[in-house]
């Protein structure tokens, strides 16, 4: 089952591609990763022993992204968006 925080966009060979967390965690070197909604930089997190699933988190919290726990209800591009 895919949940909204287990995909991101990765810059692979100069092209943004949507990838799953499992794919990104398997890379020996991490490419530039961005949120599929606001294009802000994200980082991958492995599954934790406490039961938290593998997922992506914004590097800098952004209240303009519905994928962020700080979402304020109005979508906006991340101030540090990757192009």
C-alpha atoms as a PDB file:
ATOM      1  CA  UNK A   1       0.000   0.000   0.000  1.00  0.00           C
ATOM      2  CA  UNK A   2       1.375   3.422  -0.972  1.00  0.00           C
ATOM      3  CA  UNK A   3       0.821   6.356   1.358  1.00  0.00           C
ATOM      4  CA  UNK A   4       1.401   9.952   0.361  1.00  0.00           C
ATOM      5  CA  UNK A   5       4.756  10.309   2.127  1.00  0.00           C
ATOM      6  CA  UNK A   6       6.452   7.339   0.470  1.00  0.00           C
ATOM      7  CA  UNK A   7       7.065   8.970  -2.917  1.00  0.00           C
ATOM      8  CA  UNK A   8       9.207  11.902  -4.001  1.00  0.00           C
ATOM      9  CA  UNK A   9      10.773  13.308  -7.130  1.00  0.00           C
ATOM     10  CA  UNK A  10      14.453  12.521  -7.718  1.00  0.00           C
ATOM     11  CA  UNK A  11      16.765  14.238 -10.171  1.00  0.00           C
ATOM     12  CA  UNK A  12      18.170  11.295 -12.117  1.00  0.00           C
ATOM     13  CA  UNK A  13      20.381  12.130 -15.110  1.00  0.00           C
ATOM     14  CA  UNK A  14      18.970  15.667 -15.224  1.00  0.00           C
ATOM     15  CA  UNK A  15      15.301  14.581 -15.229  1.00  0.00           C
ATOM     16  CA  UNK A  16      12.834  14.673 -12.319  1.00  0.00           C
ATOM     17  CA  UNK A  17      11.320  11.215 -11.817  1.00  0.00           C
ATOM     18  CA  UNK A  18       8.758  10.073  -9.257  1.00  0.00           C
ATOM     19  CA  UNK A  19      10.276   7.319  -7.125  1.00  0.00           C
ATOM     20  CA  UNK A  20       9.225   5.320  -4.086  1.00  0.00           C
ATOM     21  CA  UNK A  21      11.012   5.404  -0.750  1.00  0.00           C
ATOM     22  CA  UNK A  22      12.159   1.799  -1.267  1.00  0.00           C
ATOM     23  CA  UNK A  23      13.839   2.720  -4.559  1.00  0.00           C
ATOM     24  CA  UNK A  24      15.592   5.781  -3.121  1.00  0.00           C
ATOM     25  CA  UNK A  25      16.800   3.914  -0.028  1.00  0.00           C
ATOM     26  CA  UNK A  26      18.384   1.354  -2.365  1.00  0.00           C
ATOM     27  CA  UNK A  27      20.557   3.932  -4.149  1.00  0.00           C
ATOM     28  CA  UNK A  28      24.229   3.899  -3.072  1.00  0.00           C
ATOM     29  CA  UNK A  29      24.349   7.697  -3.518  1.00  0.00           C
ATOM     30  CA  UNK A  30      21.253   9.835  -3.022  1.00  0.00           C
ATOM     31  CA  UNK A  31      20.286  12.186  -5.892  1.00  0.00           C
ATOM     32  CA  UNK A  32      18.606  15.555  -5.255  1.00  0.00           C
ATOM     33  CA  UNK A  33      15.167  14.786  -3.821  1.00  0.00           C
ATOM     34  CA  UNK A  34      12.126  17.050  -3.746  1.00  0.00           C
ATOM     35  CA  UNK A  35       8.517  16.955  -2.583  1.00  0.00           C
ATOM     36  CA  UNK A  36       6.062  16.045  -5.340  1.00  0.00           C
ATOM     37  CA  UNK A  37       3.726  18.852  -4.238  1.00  0.00           C
ATOM     38  CA  UNK A  38       5.742  21.942  -3.236  1.00  0.00           C
ATOM     39  CA  UNK A  39       9.132  20.934  -4.756  1.00  0.00           C
ATOM     40  CA  UNK A  40      10.934  21.627  -1.476  1.00  0.00           C
ATOM     41  CA  UNK A  41      13.971  19.476  -0.663  1.00  0.00           C
ATOM     42  CA  UNK A  42      13.185  16.258   1.220  1.00  0.00           C
ATOM     43  CA  UNK A  43      15.236  13.557   2.905  1.00  0.00           C
ATOM     44  CA  UNK A  44      14.508   9.836   3.162  1.00  0.00           C
ATOM     45  CA  UNK A  45      14.084   8.058   6.497  1.00  0.00           C
ATOM     46  CA  UNK A  46      14.391   4.297   6.916  1.00  0.00           C
ATOM     47  CA  UNK A  47      11.793   2.275   8.794  1.00  0.00           C
ATOM     48  CA  UNK A  48      12.355   2.664  12.528  1.00  0.00           C
ATOM     49  CA  UNK A  49      12.310  -0.021  15.213  1.00  0.00           C
ATOM     50  CA  UNK A  50       9.406   1.799  16.876  1.00  0.00           C
ATOM     51  CA  UNK A  51       7.158   0.902  13.923  1.00  0.00           C
ATOM     52  CA  UNK A  52       7.383   4.169  11.990  1.00  0.00           C
ATOM     53  CA  UNK A  53       7.337   3.389   8.272  1.00  0.00           C
ATOM     54  CA  UNK A  54      10.023   4.505   5.846  1.00  0.00           C
ATOM     55  CA  UNK A  55       9.080   7.954   4.543  1.00  0.00           C
ATOM     56  CA  UNK A  56      10.268  11.316   3.227  1.00  0.00           C
ATOM     57  CA  UNK A  57      10.310  14.526   5.272  1.00  0.00           C
ATOM     58  CA  UNK A  58      10.876  18.114   4.203  1.00  0.00           C
ATOM     59  CA  UNK A  59      14.393  19.295   5.062  1.00  0.00           C
ATOM     60  CA  UNK A  60      12.872  22.615   6.163  1.00  0.00           C
ATOM     61  CA  UNK A  61       9.289  22.555   7.419  1.00  0.00           C
ATOM     62  CA  UNK A  62       6.834  24.278   5.118  1.00  0.00           C
ATOM     63  CA  UNK A  63       3.332  25.261   6.156  1.00  0.00           C
ATOM     64  CA  UNK A  64       2.257  25.672   2.504  1.00  0.00           C
ATOM     65  CA  UNK A  65       2.437  21.956   1.690  1.00  0.00           C
ATOM     66  CA  UNK A  66      -0.380  19.545   2.513  1.00  0.00           C
ATOM     67  CA  UNK A  67       2.259  16.795   2.913  1.00  0.00           C
ATOM     68  CA  UNK A  68       3.784  18.674   5.868  1.00  0.00           C
ATOM     69  CA  UNK A  69       2.549  18.250   9.449  1.00  0.00           C
ATOM     70  CA  UNK A  70       2.627  22.076   9.758  1.00  0.00           C
ATOM     71  CA  UNK A  71       0.203  22.647   6.833  1.00  0.00           C
ATOM     72  CA  UNK A  72      -1.929  25.758   7.407  1.00  0.00           C
ATOM     73  CA  UNK A  73      -4.555  25.048   4.715  1.00  0.00           C
ATOM     74  CA  UNK A  74      -3.260  27.105   1.801  1.00  0.00           C
ATOM     75  CA  UNK A  75      -0.888  25.436  -0.690  1.00  0.00           C
ATOM     76  CA  UNK A  76       2.227  27.361  -1.773  1.00  0.00           C
ATOM     77  CA  UNK A  77       5.539  26.560  -3.454  1.00  0.00           C
ATOM     78  CA  UNK A  78       8.372  25.918  -0.992  1.00  0.00           C
ATOM     79  CA  UNK A  79      10.647  28.958  -0.522  1.00  0.00           C
ATOM     80  CA  UNK A  80      13.689  26.720  -1.234  1.00  0.00           C
ATOM     81  CA  UNK A  81      12.036  24.834  -4.118  1.00  0.00           C
ATOM     82  CA  UNK A  82      14.286  22.764  -6.386  1.00  0.00           C
ATOM     83  CA  UNK A  83      13.808  23.277 -10.121  1.00  0.00           C
END
